[in-house]
Amino acid sequence: MLRSIGLPELVVILVIAVVLFGGKKIPELAKGLGEGIRNFKDSLKGDASATTPDDKKQA
């Protein structure tokens, strides 16, 4: 049966990520991932602040 991911598995994943991407690239990847998730959530909400000013003029 499948079990949840524990601390040892997370450590292994983190080590692999550092080896593949390097220590300097990881914060940039995390920032991009966070922005992508935020944009996705805003689009699901239909947030008015997520639209561009041109979209507001046409409405």
C-alpha atoms as a PDB file:
ATOM      1  CA  MET A   1       0.000   0.000   0.000  1.00  0.00           C
ATOM      2  CA  LEU A   2       1.123   3.557  -0.579  1.00  0.00           C
ATOM      3  CA  ARG A   3       2.180   5.533   2.435  1.00  0.00           C
ATOM      4  CA  SER A   4       2.691   9.227   2.924  1.00  0.00           C
ATOM      5  CA  ILE A   5       6.017  10.906   2.286  1.00  0.00           C
ATOM      6  CA  GLY A   6       8.048  11.177   5.463  1.00  0.00           C
ATOM      7  CA  LEU A   7      11.090  13.165   6.499  1.00  0.00           C
ATOM      8  CA  PRO A   8      13.679  10.741   5.073  1.00  0.00           C
ATOM      9  CA  GLU A   9      12.043  10.837   1.651  1.00  0.00           C
ATOM     10  CA  LEU A  10      11.897  14.646   1.691  1.00  0.00           C
ATOM     11  CA  VAL A  11      15.598  14.819   2.569  1.00  0.00           C
ATOM     12  CA  VAL A  12      16.468  12.524  -0.347  1.00  0.00           C
ATOM     13  CA  ILE A  13      14.369  14.637  -2.734  1.00  0.00           C
ATOM     14  CA  LEU A  14      16.047  17.818  -1.470  1.00  0.00           C
ATOM     15  CA  VAL A  15      19.528  16.347  -1.939  1.00  0.00           C
ATOM     16  CA  ILE A  16      18.686  15.258  -5.483  1.00  0.00           C
ATOM     17  CA  ALA A  17      17.324  18.736  -6.279  1.00  0.00           C
ATOM     18  CA  VAL A  18      20.494  20.406  -4.983  1.00  0.00           C
ATOM     19  CA  VAL A  19      22.666  18.050  -7.021  1.00  0.00           C
ATOM     20  CA  LEU A  20      20.649  18.587 -10.206  1.00  0.00           C
ATOM     21  CA  PHE A  21      20.041  22.335 -10.025  1.00  0.00           C
ATOM     22  CA  GLY A  22      22.755  23.655  -7.717  1.00  0.00           C
ATOM     23  CA  GLY A  23      22.294  25.684  -4.562  1.00  0.00           C
ATOM     24  CA  LYS A  24      21.951  29.046  -6.319  1.00  0.00           C
ATOM     25  CA  LYS A  25      19.207  27.981  -8.716  1.00  0.00           C
ATOM     26  CA  ILE A  26      16.832  26.476  -6.107  1.00  0.00           C
ATOM     27  CA  PRO A  27      15.544  29.837  -4.698  1.00  0.00           C
ATOM     28  CA  GLU A  28      14.810  31.031  -8.236  1.00  0.00           C
ATOM     29  CA  LEU A  29      12.868  27.851  -8.976  1.00  0.00           C
ATOM     30  CA  ALA A  30      10.929  28.158  -5.711  1.00  0.00           C
ATOM     31  CA  LYS A  31      10.070  31.787  -6.463  1.00  0.00           C
ATOM     32  CA  GLY A  32       8.812  30.888  -9.931  1.00  0.00           C
ATOM     33  CA  LEU A  33       6.768  28.019  -8.545  1.00  0.00           C
ATOM     34  CA  GLY A  34       5.223  30.275  -5.901  1.00  0.00           C
ATOM     35  CA  GLU A  35       4.304  32.916  -8.459  1.00  0.00           C
ATOM     36  CA  GLY A  36       2.776  30.286 -10.719  1.00  0.00           C
ATOM     37  CA  ILE A  37       0.659  28.876  -7.901  1.00  0.00           C
ATOM     38  CA  ARG A  38      -0.444  32.380  -6.883  1.00  0.00           C
ATOM     39  CA  ASN A  39      -1.453  33.232 -10.463  1.00  0.00           C
ATOM     40  CA  PHE A  40      -3.334  29.959 -10.777  1.00  0.00           C
ATOM     41  CA  LYS A  41      -5.276  30.585  -7.554  1.00  0.00           C
ATOM     42  CA  ASP A  42      -6.078  34.149  -8.617  1.00  0.00           C
ATOM     43  CA  SER A  43      -7.402  32.935 -11.953  1.00  0.00           C
ATOM     44  CA  LEU A  44      -9.607  30.372 -10.221  1.00  0.00           C
ATOM     45  CA  LYS A  45     -11.059  33.043  -7.942  1.00  0.00           C
ATOM     46  CA  GLY A  46     -11.718  35.381 -10.844  1.00  0.00           C
ATOM     47  CA  ASP A  47      -9.881  38.072  -8.898  1.00  0.00           C
ATOM     48  CA  ALA A  48     -10.349  41.527 -10.415  1.00  0.00           C
ATOM     49  CA  SER A  49      -6.790  42.508  -9.520  1.00  0.00           C
ATOM     50  CA  ALA A  50      -5.480  39.706 -11.755  1.00  0.00           C
ATOM     51  CA  THR A  51      -6.880  41.401 -14.872  1.00  0.00           C
ATOM     52  CA  THR A  52      -4.912  43.949 -16.834  1.00  0.00           C
ATOM     53  CA  PRO A  53      -6.021  47.586 -17.124  1.00  0.00           C
ATOM     54  CA  ASP A  54      -6.884  46.993 -20.795  1.00  0.00           C
ATOM     55  CA  ASP A  55      -9.341  44.281 -19.774  1.00  0.00           C
ATOM     56  CA  LYS A  56     -11.109  46.704 -17.417  1.00  0.00           C
ATOM     57  CA  LYS A  57     -11.510  49.309 -20.188  1.00  0.00           C
ATOM     58  CA  GLN A  58     -13.199  46.807 -22.516  1.00  0.00           C
ATOM     59  CA  ALA A  59     -15.678  45.606 -19.883  1.00  0.00           C
END
